[in-house]
C-alpha atoms as a PDB file:
ATOM      1  CA  MET A   1    -103.476  23.738-153.583  1.00  0.00           C
ATOM      2  CA  ASN A   2    -103.450  21.615-156.730  1.00  0.00           C
ATOM      3  CA  MET A   3    -100.421  19.306-156.810  1.00  0.00           C
ATOM      4  CA  THR A   4     -99.801  17.094-159.829  1.00  0.00           C
ATOM      5  CA  MET A   5     -97.582  14.150-158.934  1.00  0.00           C
ATOM      6  CA  THR A   6     -97.324  10.620-160.204  1.00  0.00           C
ATOM      7  CA  LEU A   7     -97.839   8.169-157.394  1.00  0.00           C
ATOM      8  CA  THR A   8     -96.451   4.675-157.225  1.00  0.00           C
ATOM      9  CA  PRO A   9     -98.948   1.864-156.610  1.00  0.00           C
ATOM     10  CA  GLN A  10     -97.846   1.626-152.988  1.00  0.00           C
ATOM     11  CA  GLU A  11     -98.207   5.372-152.466  1.00  0.00           C
ATOM     12  CA  GLU A  12    -101.619   5.306-154.080  1.00  0.00           C
ATOM     13  CA  ALA A  13    -102.662   2.415-151.833  1.00  0.00           C
ATOM     14  CA  GLU A  14    -101.517   4.374-148.783  1.00  0.00           C
ATOM     15  CA  LEU A  15    -103.451   7.409-149.986  1.00  0.00           C
ATOM     16  CA  GLN A  16    -106.569   5.311-150.555  1.00  0.00           C
ATOM     17  CA  TRP A  17    -106.225   3.832-147.079  1.00  0.00           C
ATOM     18  CA  LEU A  18    -105.909   7.320-145.649  1.00  0.00           C
ATOM     19  CA  LEU A  19    -108.922   8.471-147.635  1.00  0.00           C
ATOM     20  CA  GLN A  20    -110.981   5.485-146.497  1.00  0.00           C
ATOM     21  CA  GLY A  21    -110.273   6.362-142.907  1.00  0.00           C
ATOM     22  CA  MET A  22    -111.154  10.002-143.521  1.00  0.00           C
ATOM     23  CA  HIS A  23    -114.312   9.018-145.391  1.00  0.00           C
ATOM     24  CA  SER A  24    -115.522   6.887-142.512  1.00  0.00           C
ATOM     25  CA  VAL A  25    -114.769   9.633-139.983  1.00  0.00           C
ATOM     26  CA  HIS A  26    -116.329  12.420-142.061  1.00  0.00           C
ATOM     27  CA  SER A  27    -119.423  10.424-142.980  1.00  0.00           C
ATOM     28  CA  GLN A  28    -120.157  10.014-139.298  1.00  0.00           C
ATOM     29  CA  GLN A  29    -119.682  13.716-138.556  1.00  0.00           C
ATOM     30  CA  ASN A  30    -120.800  15.718-141.576  1.00  0.00           C
ATOM     31  CA  PRO A  31    -122.646  14.205-144.577  1.00  0.00           C
ATOM     32  CA  ILE A  32    -121.854  17.164-146.859  1.00  0.00           C
ATOM     33  CA  ARG A  33    -118.155  16.955-146.121  1.00  0.00           C
ATOM     34  CA  ALA A  34    -118.301  13.177-146.718  1.00  0.00           C
ATOM     35  CA  ASP A  35    -119.625  13.831-150.230  1.00  0.00           C
ATOM     36  CA  ILE A  36    -116.718  16.198-150.913  1.00  0.00           C
ATOM     37  CA  VAL A  37    -114.203  13.612-149.696  1.00  0.00           C
ATOM     38  CA  HIS A  38    -115.958  10.982-151.826  1.00  0.00           C
ATOM     39  CA  ASP A  39    -115.748  13.233-154.919  1.00  0.00           C
ATOM     40  CA  LEU A  40    -112.077  13.972-154.233  1.00  0.00           C
ATOM     41  CA  GLU A  41    -111.372  10.259-153.951  1.00  0.00           C
ATOM     42  CA  HIS A  42    -112.811   9.550-157.369  1.00  0.00           C
ATOM     43  CA  ASN A  43    -111.224  12.604-159.011  1.00  0.00           C
ATOM     44  CA  SER A  44    -107.727  11.858-157.685  1.00  0.00           C
ATOM     45  CA  ALA A  45    -107.762   8.127-158.411  1.00  0.00           C
ATOM     46  CA  THR A  46    -105.949   6.820-161.467  1.00  0.00           C
ATOM     47  CA  ALA A  47    -107.356   4.266-163.899  1.00  0.00           C
ATOM     48  CA  ASP A  48    -105.259   1.391-162.547  1.00  0.00           C
ATOM     49  CA  HIS A  49    -106.580   0.504-159.077  1.00  0.00           C
ATOM     50  CA  SER A  50    -105.969  -3.224-159.487  1.00  0.00           C
ATOM     51  CA  ALA A  51    -102.174  -2.852-159.028  1.00  0.00           C
ATOM     52  CA  ALA A  52    -102.540  -1.300-155.593  1.00  0.00           C
ATOM     53  CA  ALA A  53    -102.761  -3.670-152.668  1.00  0.00           C
ATOM     54  CA  PRO A  54    -105.896  -3.134-150.577  1.00  0.00           C
ATOM     55  CA  TRP A  55    -105.269  -1.763-147.110  1.00  0.00           C
ATOM     56  CA  PRO A  56    -107.248  -3.018-144.177  1.00  0.00           C
ATOM     57  CA  SER A  57    -110.155  -0.806-143.308  1.00  0.00           C
ATOM     58  CA  SER A  58    -109.277   0.465-139.894  1.00  0.00           C
ATOM     59  CA  PRO A  59    -109.974   3.751-138.215  1.00  0.00           C
ATOM     60  CA  SER A  60    -107.779   6.547-139.429  1.00  0.00           C
ATOM     61  CA  THR A  61    -104.701   7.278-137.360  1.00  0.00           C
ATOM     62  CA  SER A  62    -104.887  10.947-138.296  1.00  0.00           C
ATOM     63  CA  PRO A  63    -106.995  13.342-136.259  1.00  0.00           C
ATOM     64  CA  PRO A  64    -110.617  13.564-137.443  1.00  0.00           C
ATOM     65  CA  ASN A  65    -110.463  17.318-138.052  1.00  0.00           C
ATOM     66  CA  ILE A  66    -107.686  17.116-140.691  1.00  0.00           C
ATOM     67  CA  SER A  67    -108.742  18.153-144.193  1.00  0.00           C
ATOM     68  CA  TYR A  68    -108.158  16.154-147.336  1.00  0.00           C
ATOM     69  CA  ASN A  69    -105.633  18.624-148.739  1.00  0.00           C
ATOM     70  CA  GLU A  70    -103.714  18.675-145.476  1.00  0.00           C
ATOM     71  CA  ALA A  71    -103.622  14.879-145.398  1.00  0.00           C
ATOM     72  CA  VAL A  72    -102.439  14.622-148.997  1.00  0.00           C
ATOM     73  CA  THR A  73     -99.888  17.365-148.440  1.00  0.00           C
ATOM     74  CA  LYS A  74     -98.640  15.601-145.333  1.00  0.00           C
ATOM     75  CA  VAL A  75     -98.253  12.266-147.148  1.00  0.00           C
ATOM     76  CA  LEU A  76     -96.566  13.852-150.156  1.00  0.00           C
ATOM     77  CA  ARG A  77     -94.254  15.899-147.933  1.00  0.00           C
ATOM     78  CA  ARG A  78     -93.227  12.762-146.028  1.00  0.00           C
ATOM     79  CA  LYS A  79     -92.567  10.928-149.299  1.00  0.00           C
ATOM     80  CA  GLN A  80     -90.483  13.828-150.569  1.00  0.00           C
ATOM     81  CA  GLN A  81     -88.497  13.921-147.325  1.00  0.00           C
ATOM     82  CA  ASN A  82     -87.878  10.180-147.598  1.00  0.00           C
ATOM     83  CA  ARG A  83     -86.673  10.553-151.186  1.00  0.00           C
ATOM     84  CA  GLU A  84     -84.369  13.403-150.146  1.00  0.00           C
ATOM     85  CA  ALA A  85     -82.970  11.355-147.247  1.00  0.00           C
ATOM     86  CA  GLN A  86     -82.368   8.401-149.577  1.00  0.00           C
ATOM     87  CA  ARG A  87     -80.622  10.654-152.106  1.00  0.00           C
ATOM     88  CA  LYS A  88     -78.382  12.126-149.393  1.00  0.00           C
ATOM     89  CA  CYS A  89     -77.565   8.631-148.136  1.00  0.00           C
ATOM     90  CA  ARG A  90     -76.615   7.525-151.662  1.00  0.00           C
ATOM     91  CA  ASP A  91     -74.469  10.657-152.073  1.00  0.00           C
ATOM     92  CA  ARG A  92     -72.695   9.978-148.760  1.00  0.00           C
ATOM     93  CA  GLN A  93     -72.032   6.395-149.814  1.00  0.00           C
ATOM     94  CA  LYS A  94     -70.661   7.539-153.189  1.00  0.00           C
ATOM     95  CA  ASP A  95     -68.401  10.077-151.454  1.00  0.00           C
ATOM     96  CA  MET A  96     -67.175   7.459-148.988  1.00  0.00           C
ATOM     97  CA  ILE A  97     -66.460   4.974-151.799  1.00  0.00           C
ATOM     98  CA  ALA A  98     -64.631   7.656-153.786  1.00  0.00           C
ATOM     99  CA  GLY A  99     -62.535   8.515-150.711  1.00  0.00           C
ATOM    100  CA  LEU A 100     -61.699   4.858-150.118  1.00  0.00           C
ATOM    101  CA  ASN A 101     -60.753   4.414-153.784  1.00  0.00           C
ATOM    102  CA  GLU A 102     -58.454   7.445-153.552  1.00  0.00           C
ATOM    103  CA  ARG A 103     -56.820   6.077-150.393  1.00  0.00           C
ATOM    104  CA  LEU A 104     -56.388   2.697-152.104  1.00  0.00           C
ATOM    105  CA  ARG A 105     -54.794   4.357-155.143  1.00  0.00           C
ATOM    106  CA  LEU A 106     -52.374   6.297-152.920  1.00  0.00           C
ATOM    107  CA  SER A 107     -51.542   3.171-150.908  1.00  0.00           C
ATOM    108  CA  ASN A 108     -50.848   1.206-154.078  1.00  0.00           C
ATOM    109  CA  GLY A 109     -48.567   4.000-155.315  1.00  0.00           C
ATOM    110  CA  ALA A 110     -46.692   4.105-152.007  1.00  0.00           C
ATOM    111  CA  ASN A 111     -46.466   0.313-152.005  1.00  0.00           C
ATOM    112  CA  SER A 112     -44.898   0.237-155.471  1.00  0.00           C
ATOM    113  CA  GLU A 113     -42.422   2.958-154.421  1.00  0.00           C
ATOM    114  CA  LEU A 114     -41.468   0.952-151.342  1.00  0.00           C
ATOM    115  CA  GLN A 115     -41.047  -2.206-153.408  1.00  0.00           C
ATOM    116  CA  ALA A 116     -38.693  -0.348-155.768  1.00  0.00           C
ATOM    117  CA  LYS A 117     -36.704   0.943-152.776  1.00  0.00           C
ATOM    118  CA  VAL A 118     -36.487  -2.599-151.332  1.00  0.00           C
ATOM    119  CA  ARG A 119     -35.154  -3.909-154.659  1.00  0.00           C
ATOM    120  CA  GLU A 120     -32.608  -1.072-154.769  1.00  0.00           C
ATOM    121  CA  LEU A 121     -31.457  -1.706-151.195  1.00  0.00           C
ATOM    122  CA  SER A 122     -31.270  -5.466-151.799  1.00  0.00           C
ATOM    123  CA  ALA A 123     -29.041  -4.889-154.818  1.00  0.00           C
ATOM    124  CA  GLU A 124     -26.823  -2.525-152.814  1.00  0.00           C
ATOM    125  CA  CYS A 125     -26.679  -5.032-149.939  1.00  0.00           C
ATOM    126  CA  GLY A 126     -25.571  -7.775-152.351  1.00  0.00           C
ATOM    127  CA  ARG A 127     -22.917  -5.497-153.835  1.00  0.00           C
ATOM    128  CA  LEU A 128     -21.618  -4.577-150.348  1.00  0.00           C
ATOM    129  CA  ARG A 129     -21.507  -8.249-149.312  1.00  0.00           C
ATOM    130  CA  ALA A 130     -19.434  -9.067-152.386  1.00  0.00           C
ATOM    131  CA  GLU A 131     -17.130  -6.114-151.671  1.00  0.00           C
ATOM    132  CA  ASN A 132     -16.749  -7.201-148.024  1.00  0.00           C
ATOM    133  CA  ALA A 133     -15.937 -10.752-149.131  1.00  0.00           C
ATOM    134  CA  VAL A 134     -13.148  -9.381-151.344  1.00  0.00           C
ATOM    135  CA  HIS A 135     -11.786  -7.263-148.483  1.00  0.00           C
ATOM    136  CA  ILE A 136     -11.904 -10.193-146.057  1.00  0.00           C
ATOM    137  CA  GLU A 137     -10.092 -12.391-148.546  1.00  0.00           C
ATOM    138  CA  LEU A 138      -7.407  -9.739-149.078  1.00  0.00           C
ATOM    139  CA  LEU A 139      -6.959  -9.241-145.338  1.00  0.00           C
ATOM    140  CA  GLN A 140      -6.685 -12.985-144.755  1.00  0.00           C
ATOM    141  CA  SER A 141      -4.085 -13.320-147.478  1.00  0.00           C
ATOM    142  CA  PHE A 142      -2.240 -10.293-146.113  1.00  0.00           C
ATOM    143  CA  TRP A 143      -2.126 -11.699-142.563  1.00  0.00           C
ATOM    144  CA  SER A 144      -1.373 -15.253-143.606  1.00  0.00           C
ATOM    145  CA  SER A 145       1.417 -14.328-146.024  1.00  0.00           C
ATOM    146  CA  GLY A 146       3.395 -12.579-143.343  1.00  0.00           C
ATOM    147  CA  ALA A 147       3.564  -9.372-145.360  1.00  0.00           C
ATOM    148  CA  CYS A 148       2.332  -7.452-142.360  1.00  0.00           C
ATOM    149  CA  ILE A 149       5.444  -8.247-140.357  1.00  0.00           C
ATOM    150  CA  CYS A 150       8.135  -8.111-143.013  1.00  0.00           C
ATOM    151  CA  GLU A 151      10.062  -4.887-143.387  1.00  0.00           C
ATOM    152  CA  ASN A 152       8.046  -3.118-140.715  1.00  0.00           C
ATOM    153  CA  GLY A 153       4.742  -3.608-142.564  1.00  0.00           C
ATOM    154  CA  ALA A 154       6.043  -2.272-145.860  1.00  0.00           C
ATOM    155  CA  GLY A 155       4.306  -5.197-147.571  1.00  0.00           C
ATOM    156  CA  ALA A 156       0.996  -3.517-146.861  1.00  0.00           C
ATOM    157  CA  PHE A 157       1.961  -0.745-149.233  1.00  0.00           C
ATOM    158  CA  ASP A 158       2.951  -3.162-151.978  1.00  0.00           C
ATOM    159  CA  ALA A 159      -0.254  -5.220-151.825  1.00  0.00           C
ATOM    160  CA  VAL A 160      -2.880  -4.833-154.555  1.00  0.00           C
ATOM    161  CA  TYR A 161      -6.207  -3.575-153.207  1.00  0.00           C
ATOM    162  CA  PRO A 162      -9.518  -3.031-155.011  1.00  0.00           C
ATOM    163  CA  PRO A 163     -10.612   0.590-155.374  1.00  0.00           C
ATOM    164  CA  ILE A 164     -12.441   2.049-152.398  1.00  0.00           C
ATOM    165  CA  THR A 165     -15.968   2.974-153.426  1.00  0.00           C
ATOM    166  CA  ASN A 166     -18.037   3.888-150.354  1.00  0.00           C
ATOM    167  CA  THR A 167     -16.336   6.916-148.751  1.00  0.00           C
ATOM    168  CA  ALA A 168     -19.452   8.897-147.822  1.00  0.00           C
ATOM    169  CA  ASN A 169     -19.718   7.682-144.215  1.00  0.00           C
ATOM    170  CA  TRP A 170     -16.032   7.502-143.246  1.00  0.00           C
ATOM    171  CA  SER A 171     -16.124  10.398-140.806  1.00  0.00           C
ATOM    172  CA  ALA A 172     -19.216   9.020-139.052  1.00  0.00           C
ATOM    173  CA  GLN A 173     -17.666   5.555-138.895  1.00  0.00           C
ATOM    174  CA  ALA A 174     -14.406   6.945-137.525  1.00  0.00           C
ATOM    175  CA  ALA A 175     -16.270   8.901-134.837  1.00  0.00           C
ATOM    176  CA  SER A 176     -18.251   5.837-133.798  1.00  0.00           C
ATOM    177  CA  THR A 177     -15.059   3.749-133.711  1.00  0.00           C
ATOM    178  CA  ARG A 178     -13.347   6.335-131.494  1.00  0.00           C
ATOM    179  CA  ALA A 179     -16.374   6.450-129.195  1.00  0.00           C
ATOM    180  CA  THR A 180     -16.325   2.672-128.715  1.00  0.00           C
ATOM    181  CA  ARG A 181     -12.585   2.676-127.870  1.00  0.00           C
ATOM    182  CA  LEU A 182     -13.032   5.179-125.044  1.00  0.00           C
END
């Protein structure tokens, strides 16, 4: 299997370390196989060996009966799996950030809607307070003037009242008033 891949300096250093371990194991077992491993080392090496950090020469952690191609395939497969896992992790992070941005956008929209509703209700509350103040003033003048008792309360019909504006909840208010009297 002839795989053409560009290796980073660190990957090349790991491969060289692996090959050194294999070379030492194979040279002890089979001198012909050691020559093949030696030739493969020099054929697969790139021109720039100075950039790679030297690995300590220690016995190989791989089994002694593993072939060069199997070792290279194993290393390259692991590197590819790591790259794939990193890509998936980045994709998950991007998806999570996009979801959070969408939630933030929706929250900001709902917040601005609620702020508009609060302003609307505050304006209505101010208008109702002013209307109540007018009604209280009229009732106080009505009771203090004695118009309520003259001519059997006929003065109530002659008094000037502001127009009634909020008639939507009269039936509900009347029902609640009747319920409290009982």
